Amino acid sequence: VKMDLNFNLLETGSLALAIIATSFTLQDGS
């Protein structure tokens, strides 16, 4: 089955923003 890691623009953009927002949220330990 030809499954790749291309989740399309909208889906990948949502994933990127979620990871970036979480990383900023947890950067100070409080």
PDB file of all heavy atoms in Angstrom:
ATOM      1  N   VAL A   1       0.854  -1.188   0.000  1.00  0.00           N
ATOM      2  CA  VAL A   1       0.000   0.000   0.000  1.00  0.00           C
ATOM      3  C   VAL A   1       0.889   1.238   0.000  1.00  0.00           C
ATOM      4  O   VAL A   1       1.838   1.330   0.785  1.00  0.00           O
ATOM      5  CB  VAL A   1      -0.934   0.012   1.230  1.00  0.00           C
ATOM      6  CG1 VAL A   1      -1.792   1.272   1.235  1.00  0.00           C
ATOM      7  CG2 VAL A   1      -1.815  -1.225   1.220  1.00  0.00           C
ATOM      8  N   LYS A   2       0.600   2.192  -0.867  1.00  0.00           N
ATOM      9  CA  LYS A   2       1.447   3.378  -1.003  1.00  0.00           C
ATOM     10  C   LYS A   2       1.009   4.469  -0.030  1.00  0.00           C
ATOM     11  O   LYS A   2       0.321   5.426  -0.395  1.00  0.00           O
ATOM     12  CB  LYS A   2       1.406   3.893  -2.443  1.00  0.00           C
ATOM     13  CG  LYS A   2       2.034   2.939  -3.453  1.00  0.00           C
ATOM     14  CD  LYS A   2       2.049   3.540  -4.854  1.00  0.00           C
ATOM     15  CE  LYS A   2       2.738   2.603  -5.838  1.00  0.00           C
ATOM     16  NZ  LYS A   2       2.780   3.183  -7.197  1.00  0.00           N
ATOM     17  N   MET A   3       1.400   4.308   1.222  1.00  0.00           N
ATOM     18  CA  MET A   3       1.146   5.341   2.232  1.00  0.00           C
ATOM     19  C   MET A   3       2.431   6.117   2.487  1.00  0.00           C
ATOM     20  O   MET A   3       3.482   5.530   2.709  1.00  0.00           O
ATOM     21  CB  MET A   3       0.650   4.712   3.536  1.00  0.00           C
ATOM     22  CG  MET A   3       0.474   5.717   4.665  1.00  0.00           C
ATOM     23  SD  MET A   3      -0.035   4.977   6.228  1.00  0.00           S
ATOM     24  CE  MET A   3       0.051   6.409   7.313  1.00  0.00           C
ATOM     25  N   ASP A   4       2.336   7.446   2.423  1.00  0.00           N
ATOM     26  CA  ASP A   4       3.502   8.282   2.693  1.00  0.00           C
ATOM     27  C   ASP A   4       3.230   9.174   3.899  1.00  0.00           C
ATOM     28  O   ASP A   4       2.191   9.056   4.565  1.00  0.00           O
ATOM     29  CB  ASP A   4       3.870   9.118   1.466  1.00  0.00           C
ATOM     30  CG  ASP A   4       2.714  10.006   0.994  1.00  0.00           C
ATOM     31  OD1 ASP A   4       1.750  10.181   1.771  1.00  0.00           O
ATOM     32  OD2 ASP A   4       2.770  10.507  -0.141  1.00  0.00           O
ATOM     33  N   LEU A   5       4.173  10.048   4.187  1.00  0.00           N
ATOM     34  CA  LEU A   5       4.054  10.959   5.326  1.00  0.00           C
ATOM     35  C   LEU A   5       3.496  12.318   4.924  1.00  0.00           C
ATOM     36  O   LEU A   5       3.514  13.246   5.734  1.00  0.00           O
ATOM     37  CB  LEU A   5       5.422  11.142   5.999  1.00  0.00           C
ATOM     38  CG  LEU A   5       5.990   9.909   6.698  1.00  0.00           C
ATOM     39  CD1 LEU A   5       7.399  10.190   7.209  1.00  0.00           C
ATOM     40  CD2 LEU A   5       5.090   9.473   7.842  1.00  0.00           C
ATOM     41  N   ASN A   6       3.020  12.445   3.701  1.00  0.00           N
ATOM     42  CA  ASN A   6       2.409  13.683   3.245  1.00  0.00           C
ATOM     43  C   ASN A   6       0.955  13.711   3.706  1.00  0.00           C
ATOM     44  O   ASN A   6       0.095  13.052   3.133  1.00  0.00           O
ATOM     45  CB  ASN A   6       2.496  13.781   1.721  1.00  0.00           C
ATOM     46  CG  ASN A   6       1.857  15.067   1.196  1.00  0.00           C
ATOM     47  OD1 ASN A   6       1.504  15.961   1.964  1.00  0.00           O
ATOM     48  ND2 ASN A   6       1.703  15.156  -0.119  1.00  0.00           N
ATOM     49  N   PHE A   7       0.692  14.496   4.754  1.00  0.00           N
ATOM     50  CA  PHE A   7      -0.651  14.593   5.322  1.00  0.00           C
ATOM     51  C   PHE A   7      -1.424  15.788   4.754  1.00  0.00           C
ATOM     52  O   PHE A   7      -2.424  16.195   5.332  1.00  0.00           O
ATOM     53  CB  PHE A   7      -0.572  14.720   6.845  1.00  0.00           C
ATOM     54  CG  PHE A   7      -0.349  13.407   7.548  1.00  0.00           C
ATOM     55  CD1 PHE A   7       0.325  12.361   6.935  1.00  0.00           C
ATOM     56  CD2 PHE A   7      -0.814  13.206   8.836  1.00  0.00           C
ATOM     57  CE1 PHE A   7       0.540  11.162   7.569  1.00  0.00           C
ATOM     58  CE2 PHE A   7      -0.603  11.996   9.490  1.00  0.00           C
ATOM     59  CZ  PHE A   7       0.068  10.970   8.852  1.00  0.00           C
ATOM     60  N   ASN A   8      -0.950  16.353   3.624  1.00  0.00           N
ATOM     61  CA  ASN A   8      -1.549  17.513   2.974  1.00  0.00           C
ATOM     62  C   ASN A   8      -1.289  18.797   3.760  1.00  0.00           C
ATOM     63  O   ASN A   8      -0.903  18.766   4.936  1.00  0.00           O
ATOM     64  CB  ASN A   8      -3.048  17.322   2.722  1.00  0.00           C
ATOM     65  CG  ASN A   8      -3.320  16.167   1.774  1.00  0.00           C
ATOM     66  OD1 ASN A   8      -2.539  15.916   0.844  1.00  0.00           O
ATOM     67  ND2 ASN A   8      -4.417  15.456   2.014  1.00  0.00           N
ATOM     68  N   LEU A   9      -1.526  19.916   3.106  1.00  0.00           N
ATOM     69  CA  LEU A   9      -1.111  21.207   3.649  1.00  0.00           C
ATOM     70  C   LEU A   9      -1.867  21.581   4.920  1.00  0.00           C
ATOM     71  O   LEU A   9      -1.273  21.978   5.928  1.00  0.00           O
ATOM     72  CB  LEU A   9      -1.295  22.292   2.587  1.00  0.00           C
ATOM     73  CG  LEU A   9      -0.869  23.713   2.987  1.00  0.00           C
ATOM     74  CD1 LEU A   9       0.615  23.743   3.340  1.00  0.00           C
ATOM     75  CD2 LEU A   9      -1.165  24.695   1.856  1.00  0.00           C
ATOM     76  N   LEU A  10      -3.188  21.477   4.889  1.00  0.00           N
ATOM     77  CA  LEU A  10      -3.993  21.884   6.048  1.00  0.00           C
ATOM     78  C   LEU A  10      -3.685  21.020   7.260  1.00  0.00           C
ATOM     79  O   LEU A  10      -3.500  21.540   8.376  1.00  0.00           O
ATOM     80  CB  LEU A  10      -5.477  21.797   5.698  1.00  0.00           C
ATOM     81  CG  LEU A  10      -6.454  22.147   6.827  1.00  0.00           C
ATOM     82  CD1 LEU A  10      -6.256  23.590   7.263  1.00  0.00           C
ATOM     83  CD2 LEU A  10      -7.897  21.917   6.382  1.00  0.00           C
ATOM     84  N   GLU A  11      -3.621  19.716   7.070  1.00  0.00           N
ATOM     85  CA  GLU A  11      -3.369  18.804   8.184  1.00  0.00           C
ATOM     86  C   GLU A  11      -1.968  18.995   8.766  1.00  0.00           C
ATOM     87  O   GLU A  11      -1.783  19.068   9.979  1.00  0.00           O
ATOM     88  CB  GLU A  11      -3.560  17.356   7.722  1.00  0.00           C
ATOM     89  CG  GLU A  11      -5.002  16.966   7.435  1.00  0.00           C
ATOM     90  CD  GLU A  11      -5.493  17.451   6.088  1.00  0.00           C
ATOM     91  OE1 GLU A  11      -4.704  18.113   5.376  1.00  0.00           O
ATOM     92  OE2 GLU A  11      -6.658  17.178   5.738  1.00  0.00           O
ATOM     93  N   THR A  12      -0.968  19.096   7.885  1.00  0.00           N
ATOM     94  CA  THR A  12       0.405  19.283   8.360  1.00  0.00           C
ATOM     95  C   THR A  12       0.577  20.646   9.017  1.00  0.00           C
ATOM     96  O   THR A  12       1.295  20.783  10.009  1.00  0.00           O
ATOM     97  CB  THR A  12       1.399  19.129   7.190  1.00  0.00           C
ATOM     98  OG1 THR A  12       1.168  17.886   6.520  1.00  0.00           O
ATOM     99  CG2 THR A  12       2.833  19.166   7.686  1.00  0.00           C
ATOM    100  N   GLY A  13      -0.077  21.664   8.466  1.00  0.00           N
ATOM    101  CA  GLY A  13      -0.020  22.984   9.091  1.00  0.00           C
ATOM    102  C   GLY A  13      -0.634  22.982  10.484  1.00  0.00           C
ATOM    103  O   GLY A  13      -0.097  23.609  11.413  1.00  0.00           O
ATOM    104  N   SER A  14      -1.743  22.284  10.656  1.00  0.00           N
ATOM    105  CA  SER A  14      -2.362  22.172  11.989  1.00  0.00           C
ATOM    106  C   SER A  14      -1.432  21.465  12.959  1.00  0.00           C
ATOM    107  O   SER A  14      -1.293  21.870  14.125  1.00  0.00           O
ATOM    108  CB  SER A  14      -3.686  21.410  11.881  1.00  0.00           C
ATOM    109  OG  SER A  14      -4.586  22.062  11.017  1.00  0.00           O
ATOM    110  N   LEU A  15      -0.772  20.399  12.486  1.00  0.00           N
ATOM    111  CA  LEU A  15       0.175  19.676  13.332  1.00  0.00           C
ATOM    112  C   LEU A  15       1.337  20.578  13.731  1.00  0.00           C
ATOM    113  O   LEU A  15       1.755  20.590  14.896  1.00  0.00           O
ATOM    114  CB  LEU A  15       0.682  18.442  12.581  1.00  0.00           C
ATOM    115  CG  LEU A  15       1.748  17.600  13.281  1.00  0.00           C
ATOM    116  CD1 LEU A  15       1.200  17.006  14.568  1.00  0.00           C
ATOM    117  CD2 LEU A  15       2.266  16.507  12.358  1.00  0.00           C
ATOM    118  N   ALA A  16       1.870  21.337  12.778  1.00  0.00           N
ATOM    119  CA  ALA A  16       2.999  22.224  13.068  1.00  0.00           C
ATOM    120  C   ALA A  16       2.627  23.275  14.108  1.00  0.00           C
ATOM    121  O   ALA A  16       3.379  23.522  15.072  1.00  0.00           O
ATOM    122  CB  ALA A  16       3.481  22.889  11.780  1.00  0.00           C
ATOM    123  N   LEU A  17       1.485  23.899  13.924  1.00  0.00           N
ATOM    124  CA  LEU A  17       1.060  24.935  14.870  1.00  0.00           C
ATOM    125  C   LEU A  17       0.799  24.356  16.256  1.00  0.00           C
ATOM    126  O   LEU A  17       1.087  24.999  17.272  1.00  0.00           O
ATOM    127  CB  LEU A  17      -0.190  25.632  14.339  1.00  0.00           C
ATOM    128  CG  LEU A  17       0.016  26.480  13.079  1.00  0.00           C
ATOM    129  CD1 LEU A  17      -1.311  27.032  12.573  1.00  0.00           C
ATOM    130  CD2 LEU A  17       0.981  27.630  13.368  1.00  0.00           C
ATOM    131  N   ALA A  18       0.255  23.130  16.314  1.00  0.00           N
ATOM    132  CA  ALA A  18       0.005  22.496  17.611  1.00  0.00           C
ATOM    133  C   ALA A  18       1.311  22.217  18.338  1.00  0.00           C
ATOM    134  O   ALA A  18       1.434  22.474  19.551  1.00  0.00           O
ATOM    135  CB  ALA A  18      -0.781  21.204  17.414  1.00  0.00           C
ATOM    136  N   ILE A  19       2.309  21.704  17.631  1.00  0.00           N
ATOM    137  CA  ILE A  19       3.604  21.401  18.262  1.00  0.00           C
ATOM    138  C   ILE A  19       4.301  22.682  18.703  1.00  0.00           C
ATOM    139  O   ILE A  19       4.854  22.754  19.811  1.00  0.00           O
ATOM    140  CB  ILE A  19       4.484  20.598  17.288  1.00  0.00           C
ATOM    141  CG1 ILE A  19       3.871  19.214  17.039  1.00  0.00           C
ATOM    142  CG2 ILE A  19       5.907  20.457  17.826  1.00  0.00           C
ATOM    143  CD1 ILE A  19       4.599  18.392  16.003  1.00  0.00           C
ATOM    144  N   ILE A  20       4.272  23.702  17.857  1.00  0.00           N
ATOM    145  CA  ILE A  20       4.927  24.969  18.206  1.00  0.00           C
ATOM    146  C   ILE A  20       4.233  25.618  19.403  1.00  0.00           C
ATOM    147  O   ILE A  20       4.890  26.102  20.343  1.00  0.00           O
ATOM    148  CB  ILE A  20       4.933  25.921  16.996  1.00  0.00           C
ATOM    149  CG1 ILE A  20       5.832  25.352  15.901  1.00  0.00           C
ATOM    150  CG2 ILE A  20       5.403  27.310  17.399  1.00  0.00           C
ATOM    151  CD1 ILE A  20       5.755  26.117  14.592  1.00  0.00           C
ATOM    152  N   ALA A  21       2.899  25.634  19.406  1.00  0.00           N
ATOM    153  CA  ALA A  21       2.166  26.228  20.532  1.00  0.00           C
ATOM    154  C   ALA A  21       2.451  25.481  21.826  1.00  0.00           C
ATOM    155  O   ALA A  21       2.645  26.097  22.895  1.00  0.00           O
ATOM    156  CB  ALA A  21       0.668  26.212  20.233  1.00  0.00           C
ATOM    157  N   THR A  22       2.501  24.158  21.762  1.00  0.00           N
ATOM    158  CA  THR A  22       2.797  23.366  22.964  1.00  0.00           C
ATOM    159  C   THR A  22       4.212  23.625  23.461  1.00  0.00           C
ATOM    160  O   THR A  22       4.450  23.753  24.673  1.00  0.00           O
ATOM    161  CB  THR A  22       2.616  21.867  22.661  1.00  0.00           C
ATOM    162  OG1 THR A  22       1.291  21.639  22.192  1.00  0.00           O
ATOM    163  CG2 THR A  22       2.854  21.035  23.905  1.00  0.00           C
ATOM    164  N   SER A  23       5.170  23.710  22.544  1.00  0.00           N
ATOM    165  CA  SER A  23       6.558  23.944  22.941  1.00  0.00           C
ATOM    166  C   SER A  23       6.711  25.301  23.620  1.00  0.00           C
ATOM    167  O   SER A  23       7.405  25.419  24.638  1.00  0.00           O
ATOM    168  CB  SER A  23       7.472  23.864  21.713  1.00  0.00           C
ATOM    169  OG  SER A  23       7.404  22.581  21.116  1.00  0.00           O
ATOM    170  N   PHE A  24       6.059  26.330  23.085  1.00  0.00           N
ATOM    171  CA  PHE A  24       6.109  27.641  23.720  1.00  0.00           C
ATOM    172  C   PHE A  24       5.434  27.626  25.088  1.00  0.00           C
ATOM    173  O   PHE A  24       5.873  28.286  26.026  1.00  0.00           O
ATOM    174  CB  PHE A  24       5.442  28.688  22.819  1.00  0.00           C
ATOM    175  CG  PHE A  24       6.371  29.315  21.823  1.00  0.00           C
ATOM    176  CD1 PHE A  24       6.326  28.937  20.500  1.00  0.00           C
ATOM    177  CD2 PHE A  24       7.311  30.258  22.219  1.00  0.00           C
ATOM    178  CE1 PHE A  24       7.192  29.484  19.571  1.00  0.00           C
ATOM    179  CE2 PHE A  24       8.179  30.821  21.302  1.00  0.00           C
ATOM    180  CZ  PHE A  24       8.130  30.441  19.966  1.00  0.00           C
ATOM    181  N   THR A  25       4.351  26.862  25.199  1.00  0.00           N
ATOM    182  CA  THR A  25       3.612  26.810  26.460  1.00  0.00           C
ATOM    183  C   THR A  25       4.439  26.202  27.578  1.00  0.00           C
ATOM    184  O   THR A  25       4.345  26.627  28.739  1.00  0.00           O
ATOM    185  CB  THR A  25       2.318  25.992  26.262  1.00  0.00           C
ATOM    186  OG1 THR A  25       1.521  26.603  25.255  1.00  0.00           O
ATOM    187  CG2 THR A  25       1.522  25.906  27.554  1.00  0.00           C
ATOM    188  N   LEU A  26       5.269  25.229  27.261  1.00  0.00           N
ATOM    189  CA  LEU A  26       5.988  24.464  28.284  1.00  0.00           C
ATOM    190  C   LEU A  26       7.433  24.889  28.455  1.00  0.00           C
ATOM    191  O   LEU A  26       8.222  24.161  29.059  1.00  0.00           O
ATOM    192  CB  LEU A  26       5.950  22.968  27.914  1.00  0.00           C
ATOM    193  CG  LEU A  26       4.561  22.350  27.745  1.00  0.00           C
ATOM    194  CD1 LEU A  26       4.679  20.895  27.302  1.00  0.00           C
ATOM    195  CD2 LEU A  26       3.774  22.441  29.050  1.00  0.00           C
ATOM    196  N   GLN A  27       7.821  26.048  27.975  1.00  0.00           N
ATOM    197  CA  GLN A  27       9.235  26.390  27.952  1.00  0.00           C
ATOM    198  C   GLN A  27       9.781  26.889  29.283  1.00  0.00           C
ATOM    199  O   GLN A  27      11.005  26.860  29.487  1.00  0.00           O
ATOM    200  CB  GLN A  27       9.487  27.463  26.882  1.00  0.00           C
ATOM    201  CG  GLN A  27       8.792  28.791  27.140  1.00  0.00           C
ATOM    202  CD  GLN A  27       9.052  29.806  26.045  1.00  0.00           C
ATOM    203  OE1 GLN A  27       9.979  29.626  25.249  1.00  0.00           O
ATOM    204  NE2 GLN A  27       8.267  30.859  25.983  1.00  0.00           N
ATOM    205  N   ASP A  28       8.937  27.304  30.231  1.00  0.00           N
ATOM    206  CA  ASP A  28       9.466  27.921  31.452  1.00  0.00           C
ATOM    207  C   ASP A  28       9.303  27.072  32.708  1.00  0.00           C
ATOM    208  O   ASP A  28       9.697  27.486  33.790  1.00  0.00           O
ATOM    209  CB  ASP A  28       8.813  29.289  31.677  1.00  0.00           C
ATOM    210  CG  ASP A  28       7.310  29.195  31.900  1.00  0.00           C
ATOM    211  OD1 ASP A  28       6.757  28.099  31.657  1.00  0.00           O
ATOM    212  OD2 ASP A  28       6.696  30.200  32.304  1.00  0.00           O
ATOM    213  N   GLY A  29       8.716  25.876  32.616  1.00  0.00           N
ATOM    214  CA  GLY A  29       8.622  24.996  33.780  1.00  0.00           C
ATOM    215  C   GLY A  29       7.531  25.343  34.768  1.00  0.00           C
ATOM    216  O   GLY A  29       7.484  24.769  35.852  1.00  0.00           O
ATOM    217  N   SER A  30       6.661  26.272  34.428  1.00  0.00           N
ATOM    218  CA  SER A  30       5.548  26.625  35.314  1.00  0.00           C
ATOM    219  C   SER A  30       4.273  26.720  34.491  1.00  0.00           C
ATOM    220  O   SER A  30       4.312  26.795  33.253  1.00  0.00           O
ATOM    221  CB  SER A  30       5.811  27.963  36.028  1.00  0.00           C
ATOM    222  OG  SER A  30       5.907  29.016  35.079  1.00  0.00           O
TER     223      SER A  30
END
